[in-house]
Amino acid sequence: MTQAPEAASPTIEIGGATPPAQATPTERVSVKDSSVRKLEPLQNAALSILLALIVVGVGLTGMILGQWLYGAPKPPEGLQNLTDEHLQVYQKLTEMHQQQHREMFQVVVASAFLPLVTAVLGYLFGIQRRSGD
């Protein structure tokens, strides 16, 4: 009884290179012409700073939002006995609370954080455009 010849395993040609038949599937695939290039050390540092700034910005925004939600003035007790004066005081307290957190967000996030993120992004894209030319 003769044994049928083994069928050749399919091979993938990428970039004109044929891998050896004994190679494992992970060794067979190789990409020679890659459009992805490595970042330079300065770009790597800028990207790390950008990611850290985003994490800090999200954390600060979350803290401000948490203080706003959990620190809101409680409505007055006994809703049947409320007078217009009580409602005006509660409305004024609520407005002051919202204004305080709105100003805090504007100073911390919009005035300090966003310009830093914009500067780092501008640097990263400027460096990439210059090195691509």
Protein backbone atom coordinates (compact mmCIF):
# COMPACT_ATOMS: atom_id res chain seq x y z
CA MET A 1 0.00 0.00 0.00
CA THR A 2 1.50 3.30 -1.02
CA GLN A 3 0.98 6.48 0.85
CA ALA A 4 -0.33 9.51 -1.01
CA PRO A 5 2.12 12.38 -1.23
CA GLU A 6 1.48 15.10 1.32
CA ALA A 7 -0.08 18.22 -0.05
CA ALA A 8 2.13 21.25 0.26
CA SER A 9 0.97 23.60 2.96
CA PRO A 10 -0.26 26.93 1.64
CA THR A 11 2.26 29.73 1.84
CA ILE A 12 1.70 33.43 1.96
CA GLU A 13 3.94 35.71 -0.04
CA ILE A 14 4.33 39.18 1.34
CA GLY A 15 6.76 41.60 -0.17
CA GLY A 16 8.04 38.99 -2.62
CA ALA A 17 9.56 36.74 0.07
CA THR A 18 8.64 33.07 0.28
CA PRO A 19 9.04 31.65 3.79
CA PRO A 20 10.66 28.26 4.34
CA ALA A 21 8.29 25.29 4.43
CA GLN A 22 9.43 24.23 7.93
CA ALA A 23 8.61 27.58 9.49
CA THR A 24 5.74 27.87 11.93
CA PRO A 25 2.75 29.96 10.85
CA THR A 26 3.94 32.93 12.89
CA GLU A 27 7.38 32.77 11.29
CA ARG A 28 5.93 32.57 7.80
CA VAL A 29 4.28 35.96 7.86
CA SER A 30 6.68 38.83 7.55
CA VAL A 31 6.05 42.37 6.47
CA LYS A 32 8.92 44.11 4.75
CA ASP A 33 7.30 47.29 3.53
CA SER A 34 5.68 48.70 6.62
CA SER A 35 4.07 52.11 6.55
CA VAL A 36 4.25 52.31 10.34
CA ARG A 37 7.37 54.02 11.56
CA LYS A 38 8.78 54.16 15.05
CA LEU A 39 8.53 57.33 17.05
CA GLU A 40 11.64 59.20 17.99
CA PRO A 41 12.43 59.44 21.72
CA LEU A 42 11.26 63.07 21.89
CA GLN A 43 7.98 62.17 20.19
CA ASN A 44 7.57 59.23 22.58
CA ALA A 45 8.04 61.58 25.53
CA ALA A 46 5.52 64.06 24.09
CA LEU A 47 3.01 61.28 23.55
CA SER A 48 3.49 60.09 27.14
CA ILE A 49 3.00 63.64 28.40
CA LEU A 50 -0.15 63.97 26.28
CA LEU A 51 -1.60 60.75 27.67
CA ALA A 52 -0.76 61.82 31.23
CA LEU A 53 -2.41 65.21 30.63
CA ILE A 54 -5.54 63.55 29.31
CA VAL A 55 -5.73 61.24 32.34
CA VAL A 56 -5.24 64.20 34.71
CA GLY A 57 -7.85 66.25 32.83
CA VAL A 58 -10.41 63.47 32.97
CA GLY A 59 -9.66 62.98 36.66
CA LEU A 60 -10.05 66.68 37.45
CA THR A 61 -13.27 66.88 35.49
CA GLY A 62 -14.58 63.84 37.35
CA MET A 63 -13.66 65.36 40.71
CA ILE A 64 -15.36 68.65 39.88
CA LEU A 65 -18.44 66.81 38.61
CA GLY A 66 -18.51 64.62 41.73
CA GLN A 67 -18.29 67.64 44.02
CA TRP A 68 -21.04 69.32 42.03
CA LEU A 69 -23.35 66.30 42.22
CA TYR A 70 -22.76 65.29 45.83
CA GLY A 71 -22.30 68.76 47.28
CA ALA A 72 -25.50 70.26 45.93
CA PRO A 73 -27.70 71.90 48.55
CA LYS A 74 -30.49 69.67 49.78
CA PRO A 75 -34.05 70.80 49.22
CA PRO A 76 -35.77 72.16 52.29
CA GLU A 77 -37.67 69.74 54.53
CA GLY A 78 -41.43 69.83 54.85
CA LEU A 79 -42.59 70.77 51.39
CA GLN A 80 -46.11 71.64 52.70
CA ASN A 81 -44.85 74.46 54.94
CA LEU A 82 -42.56 76.17 52.41
CA THR A 83 -42.85 79.86 51.86
CA ASP A 84 -41.63 81.92 48.94
CA GLU A 85 -38.75 83.07 51.11
CA HIS A 86 -37.59 79.47 51.65
CA LEU A 87 -37.75 78.77 47.92
CA GLN A 88 -35.82 81.95 47.11
CA VAL A 89 -33.09 81.02 49.59
CA TYR A 90 -32.88 77.49 48.15
CA GLN A 91 -32.75 78.87 44.60
CA LYS A 92 -29.99 81.31 45.56
CA LEU A 93 -27.96 78.53 47.24
CA THR A 94 -28.32 76.31 44.16
CA GLU A 95 -27.24 79.11 41.82
CA MET A 96 -24.19 79.88 43.99
CA HIS A 97 -23.26 76.20 44.08
CA GLN A 98 -23.51 75.85 40.29
CA GLN A 99 -21.61 79.09 39.67
CA GLN A 100 -18.77 78.01 41.96
CA HIS A 101 -18.26 74.70 40.13
CA ARG A 102 -18.67 76.29 36.70
CA GLU A 103 -15.91 78.78 37.53
CA MET A 104 -13.71 76.02 38.96
CA PHE A 105 -14.09 73.98 35.76
CA GLN A 106 -13.39 77.02 33.61
CA VAL A 107 -10.22 77.95 35.50
CA VAL A 108 -8.78 74.46 35.95
CA VAL A 109 -9.79 72.65 32.77
CA ALA A 110 -10.55 75.25 30.12
CA SER A 111 -7.89 77.84 31.01
CA ALA A 112 -5.01 75.65 32.21
CA PHE A 113 -5.47 72.12 30.90
CA LEU A 114 -6.74 72.57 27.33
CA PRO A 115 -3.92 74.93 26.23
CA LEU A 116 -1.34 72.39 27.45
CA VAL A 117 -3.01 69.57 25.51
CA THR A 118 -3.24 71.79 22.43
CA ALA A 119 0.45 72.70 22.67
CA VAL A 120 1.55 69.06 22.97
CA LEU A 121 -0.72 68.01 20.09
CA GLY A 122 0.62 70.85 17.94
CA TYR A 123 4.18 69.78 18.73
CA LEU A 124 3.49 66.12 17.87
CA PHE A 125 1.75 66.89 14.58
CA GLY A 126 4.33 69.54 13.67
CA ILE A 127 7.20 67.11 14.23
CA GLN A 128 5.47 64.37 12.24
CA ARG A 129 4.76 66.70 9.33
CA ARG A 130 8.33 68.03 9.31
CA SER A 131 9.89 64.55 9.44
CA GLY A 132 7.51 63.29 6.74
CA ASP A 133 8.64 65.97 4.24
